[in-house]
Amino acid sequence: MVVNSEQLSVSSEQLATAVPDAARQAALTAYKNARMDGLCHEGAWESALDILCSLNAAQLAAELEKEVNDA
């Protein structure tokens, strides 16, 4: 899915803040879950990196758009 700025009612500043925040939260959650599942630090770090690699910025933008429209 490709989303361009003309399709969104959110500002580029909101996107510039929301995407890194979402990435940080996803990585932290993945790391914590992996540690609770018994993975060592290195394994948990790999899990966090996998999550970062699988993030879809267009999907995050669409979710932010929905949040803004629902507010």
Foldseek 3Di string as FASTA:
>chain_A
DDDDPVNAPDDVVVLVPQPVVVLVVQLVVQLVVCVVVPDDNVVSNVSSVVSSVPDDSVVSRVVVRVVVVVD
